[in-house]
Amino acid sequence: MPTSLMDIEVLLFAAARESVGSDTICVQVPDQAVADDVMQALGQTLPELSGLLAACRLAVDCQYVGPHEAISVDSEVALIPPVSGG
């Protein structure tokens, strides 16, 4: 039986947004996906982010999450690259 997929919209910020040229991207992940599935889908969909993804964090519903955090279709998901300030 084929795996069901869901579309997840991911908000992009800073260097990620600049690399892609957009502030959002939609990726497909399996139903019952976790954060790591979203990161893998981003890497496959956006090869231009391959050098940046390892340093990025994923936030779900305004909270940083680990790789095993569940993602639902109605979650707000954001890719947060490293930031610096002064």
N, C-alpha and C. Protein backbone atom coordinates (compact mmCIF):
# COMPACT_ATOMS: atom_id res chain seq x y z
N MET A 1 0.85 -1.18 0.00
CA MET A 1 0.00 0.00 0.00
C MET A 1 0.89 1.24 0.00
N PRO A 2 0.69 2.18 -0.93
CA PRO A 2 1.53 3.37 -1.00
C PRO A 2 1.35 4.26 0.24
N THR A 3 2.42 4.95 0.55
CA THR A 3 2.40 5.86 1.68
C THR A 3 1.62 7.12 1.30
N SER A 4 0.75 7.57 2.20
CA SER A 4 0.04 8.83 1.99
C SER A 4 0.99 9.98 2.24
N LEU A 5 0.83 11.02 1.47
CA LEU A 5 1.68 12.20 1.62
C LEU A 5 0.85 13.40 2.03
N MET A 6 1.51 14.32 2.70
CA MET A 6 0.86 15.59 3.03
C MET A 6 1.78 16.72 2.60
N ASP A 7 1.18 17.84 2.23
CA ASP A 7 1.93 19.04 1.86
C ASP A 7 2.13 19.89 3.09
N ILE A 8 3.38 20.29 3.31
CA ILE A 8 3.73 21.16 4.43
C ILE A 8 4.33 22.44 3.87
N GLU A 9 3.76 23.57 4.25
CA GLU A 9 4.34 24.86 3.88
C GLU A 9 5.38 25.23 4.92
N VAL A 10 6.58 25.58 4.44
CA VAL A 10 7.68 25.93 5.33
C VAL A 10 8.05 27.39 5.09
N LEU A 11 8.07 28.16 6.15
CA LEU A 11 8.49 29.56 6.08
C LEU A 11 10.02 29.61 6.05
N LEU A 12 10.57 30.43 5.19
CA LEU A 12 12.03 30.56 5.07
C LEU A 12 12.46 31.94 5.54
N PHE A 13 13.58 31.99 6.23
CA PHE A 13 14.08 33.26 6.77
C PHE A 13 15.54 33.46 6.41
N ALA A 14 15.97 34.72 6.42
CA ALA A 14 17.36 35.14 6.29
C ALA A 14 18.05 34.46 5.10
N ALA A 15 19.18 33.80 5.33
CA ALA A 15 19.99 33.22 4.25
C ALA A 15 19.21 32.17 3.46
N ALA A 16 18.33 31.43 4.11
CA ALA A 16 17.52 30.43 3.39
C ALA A 16 16.60 31.12 2.40
N ARG A 17 15.95 32.18 2.83
CA ARG A 17 15.05 32.93 1.94
C ARG A 17 15.84 33.54 0.78
N GLU A 18 17.02 34.08 1.07
CA GLU A 18 17.84 34.69 0.03
C GLU A 18 18.32 33.65 -0.98
N SER A 19 18.70 32.47 -0.51
CA SER A 19 19.19 31.41 -1.40
C SER A 19 18.11 30.93 -2.35
N VAL A 20 16.89 30.84 -1.85
CA VAL A 20 15.78 30.30 -2.61
C VAL A 20 15.05 31.37 -3.42
N GLY A 21 15.07 32.60 -2.92
CA GLY A 21 14.36 33.68 -3.60
C GLY A 21 12.88 33.71 -3.30
N SER A 22 12.50 33.10 -2.17
CA SER A 22 11.10 33.05 -1.77
C SER A 22 11.03 32.97 -0.25
N ASP A 23 9.89 33.40 0.31
CA ASP A 23 9.77 33.31 1.77
C ASP A 23 9.00 32.09 2.24
N THR A 24 8.51 31.27 1.28
CA THR A 24 7.85 30.01 1.63
C THR A 24 8.16 28.95 0.58
N ILE A 25 8.07 27.72 0.99
CA ILE A 25 8.20 26.59 0.07
C ILE A 25 7.27 25.49 0.57
N CYS A 26 6.69 24.76 -0.34
CA CYS A 26 5.82 23.64 0.02
C CYS A 26 6.57 22.35 -0.29
N VAL A 27 6.64 21.46 0.69
CA VAL A 27 7.28 20.16 0.50
C VAL A 27 6.29 19.05 0.84
N GLN A 28 6.48 17.90 0.24
CA GLN A 28 5.65 16.74 0.54
C GLN A 28 6.41 15.82 1.47
N VAL A 29 5.73 15.40 2.52
CA VAL A 29 6.28 14.46 3.49
C VAL A 29 5.24 13.38 3.76
N PRO A 30 5.67 12.23 4.28
CA PRO A 30 4.70 11.19 4.59
C PRO A 30 3.75 11.64 5.70
N ASP A 31 2.54 11.10 5.68
CA ASP A 31 1.65 11.29 6.83
C ASP A 31 2.41 10.81 8.06
N GLN A 32 2.15 11.40 9.20
CA GLN A 32 2.82 11.07 10.45
C GLN A 32 4.32 11.39 10.37
N ALA A 33 4.64 12.45 9.65
CA ALA A 33 6.03 12.87 9.48
C ALA A 33 6.57 13.48 10.77
N VAL A 34 7.89 13.49 10.87
CA VAL A 34 8.59 14.16 11.95
C VAL A 34 9.46 15.25 11.34
N ALA A 35 10.03 16.09 12.18
CA ALA A 35 10.83 17.23 11.73
C ALA A 35 11.94 16.80 10.77
N ASP A 36 12.59 15.68 11.05
CA ASP A 36 13.67 15.23 10.18
C ASP A 36 13.17 14.93 8.77
N ASP A 37 11.93 14.45 8.64
CA ASP A 37 11.35 14.21 7.32
C ASP A 37 11.22 15.53 6.54
N VAL A 38 10.84 16.59 7.24
CA VAL A 38 10.73 17.90 6.60
C VAL A 38 12.10 18.39 6.15
N MET A 39 13.11 18.22 7.00
CA MET A 39 14.47 18.65 6.64
C MET A 39 14.96 17.88 5.41
N GLN A 40 14.71 16.58 5.37
CA GLN A 40 15.13 15.78 4.21
C GLN A 40 14.40 16.22 2.95
N ALA A 41 13.11 16.50 3.07
CA ALA A 41 12.33 16.96 1.92
C ALA A 41 12.84 18.31 1.43
N LEU A 42 13.22 19.18 2.36
CA LEU A 42 13.78 20.47 1.96
C LEU A 42 15.08 20.29 1.19
N GLY A 43 15.93 19.39 1.66
CA GLY A 43 17.20 19.13 0.97
C GLY A 43 17.00 18.58 -0.43
N GLN A 44 15.99 17.73 -0.61
CA GLN A 44 15.71 17.15 -1.92
C GLN A 44 15.06 18.17 -2.84
N THR A 45 14.17 18.98 -2.30
CA THR A 45 13.44 19.96 -3.10
C THR A 45 14.29 21.17 -3.43
N LEU A 46 15.17 21.55 -2.50
CA LEU A 46 15.98 22.76 -2.65
C LEU A 46 17.47 22.44 -2.52
N PRO A 47 18.07 21.86 -3.55
CA PRO A 47 19.49 21.51 -3.44
C PRO A 47 20.38 22.72 -3.16
N GLU A 48 19.92 23.92 -3.49
CA GLU A 48 20.70 25.12 -3.22
C GLU A 48 20.87 25.37 -1.71
N LEU A 49 20.08 24.71 -0.88
CA LEU A 49 20.20 24.85 0.57
C LEU A 49 21.08 23.78 1.21
N SER A 50 21.64 22.86 0.40
CA SER A 50 22.34 21.71 0.96
C SER A 50 23.47 22.12 1.92
N GLY A 51 24.20 23.16 1.62
CA GLY A 51 25.28 23.60 2.49
C GLY A 51 24.81 24.30 3.75
N LEU A 52 23.59 24.78 3.76
CA LEU A 52 23.05 25.55 4.87
C LEU A 52 22.20 24.71 5.83
N LEU A 53 21.56 23.67 5.32
CA LEU A 53 20.59 22.92 6.13
C LEU A 53 21.16 22.34 7.42
N ALA A 54 22.40 21.88 7.39
CA ALA A 54 22.99 21.27 8.59
C ALA A 54 23.08 22.25 9.75
N ALA A 55 23.15 23.54 9.44
CA ALA A 55 23.27 24.56 10.48
C ALA A 55 21.91 25.16 10.86
N CYS A 56 20.85 24.77 10.17
CA CYS A 56 19.52 25.33 10.41
C CYS A 56 18.78 24.58 11.50
N ARG A 57 17.81 25.26 12.08
CA ARG A 57 16.88 24.64 13.04
C ARG A 57 15.48 24.73 12.47
N LEU A 58 14.66 23.81 12.87
CA LEU A 58 13.26 23.82 12.47
C LEU A 58 12.43 24.26 13.67
N ALA A 59 11.51 25.18 13.44
CA ALA A 59 10.58 25.61 14.47
C ALA A 59 9.18 25.19 14.03
N VAL A 60 8.43 24.64 14.97
CA VAL A 60 7.05 24.22 14.71
C VAL A 60 6.17 24.93 15.72
N ASP A 61 5.22 25.67 15.19
CA ASP A 61 4.31 26.46 16.03
C ASP A 61 5.09 27.34 17.01
N CYS A 62 6.09 28.02 16.47
CA CYS A 62 6.91 29.02 17.19
C CYS A 62 7.81 28.41 18.27
N GLN A 63 8.11 27.13 18.19
CA GLN A 63 9.00 26.46 19.16
C GLN A 63 10.05 25.68 18.38
N TYR A 64 11.32 25.82 18.76
CA TYR A 64 12.34 24.97 18.17
C TYR A 64 12.06 23.53 18.53
N VAL A 65 12.28 22.61 17.58
CA VAL A 65 11.99 21.20 17.81
C VAL A 65 13.19 20.34 17.45
N GLY A 66 13.20 19.15 18.01
CA GLY A 66 14.21 18.16 17.67
C GLY A 66 13.80 17.37 16.45
N PRO A 67 14.67 16.49 15.97
CA PRO A 67 14.41 15.77 14.73
C PRO A 67 13.24 14.80 14.78
N HIS A 68 12.81 14.39 15.96
CA HIS A 68 11.75 13.40 16.08
C HIS A 68 10.39 14.01 16.45
N GLU A 69 10.30 15.34 16.43
CA GLU A 69 9.03 16.02 16.74
C GLU A 69 8.02 15.79 15.62
N ALA A 70 6.82 15.41 15.99
CA ALA A 70 5.76 15.16 15.01
C ALA A 70 5.33 16.46 14.33
N ILE A 71 5.02 16.34 13.06
CA ILE A 71 4.54 17.46 12.25
C ILE A 71 3.15 17.11 11.75
N SER A 72 2.23 18.05 11.88
CA SER A 72 0.90 17.82 11.32
C SER A 72 0.66 18.81 10.19
N VAL A 73 -0.33 18.53 9.38
CA VAL A 73 -0.61 19.35 8.21
C VAL A 73 -0.97 20.79 8.59
N ASP A 74 -1.48 21.00 9.80
CA ASP A 74 -1.85 22.36 10.21
C ASP A 74 -0.79 23.04 11.07
N SER A 75 0.40 22.42 11.19
CA SER A 75 1.49 23.04 11.94
C SER A 75 2.07 24.21 11.16
N GLU A 76 2.51 25.24 11.87
CA GLU A 76 3.28 26.31 11.25
C GLU A 76 4.75 25.90 11.36
N VAL A 77 5.39 25.71 10.24
CA VAL A 77 6.77 25.21 10.21
C VAL A 77 7.66 26.28 9.61
N ALA A 78 8.79 26.53 10.28
CA ALA A 78 9.73 27.55 9.81
C ALA A 78 11.15 27.00 9.85
N LEU A 79 11.91 27.29 8.79
CA LEU A 79 13.32 26.94 8.74
C LEU A 79 14.11 28.16 9.19
N ILE A 80 14.86 27.99 10.27
CA ILE A 80 15.59 29.10 10.87
C ILE A 80 17.10 28.87 10.67
N PRO A 81 17.74 29.66 9.81
CA PRO A 81 19.18 29.53 9.65
C PRO A 81 19.90 30.19 10.82
N PRO A 82 21.21 29.95 10.94
CA PRO A 82 21.96 30.62 12.00
C PRO A 82 21.84 32.14 11.84
N VAL A 83 21.76 32.82 12.95
CA VAL A 83 21.68 34.29 12.92
C VAL A 83 22.85 34.86 13.69
N SER A 84 23.21 36.05 13.32
CA SER A 84 24.24 36.76 14.08
C SER A 84 23.76 38.18 14.28
N GLY A 85 24.30 38.81 15.22
CA GLY A 85 23.89 40.18 15.50
C GLY A 85 24.98 40.89 16.28
N GLY A 86 24.73 42.10 16.51
CA GLY A 86 25.76 42.83 17.22
C GLY A 86 25.20 44.07 17.84
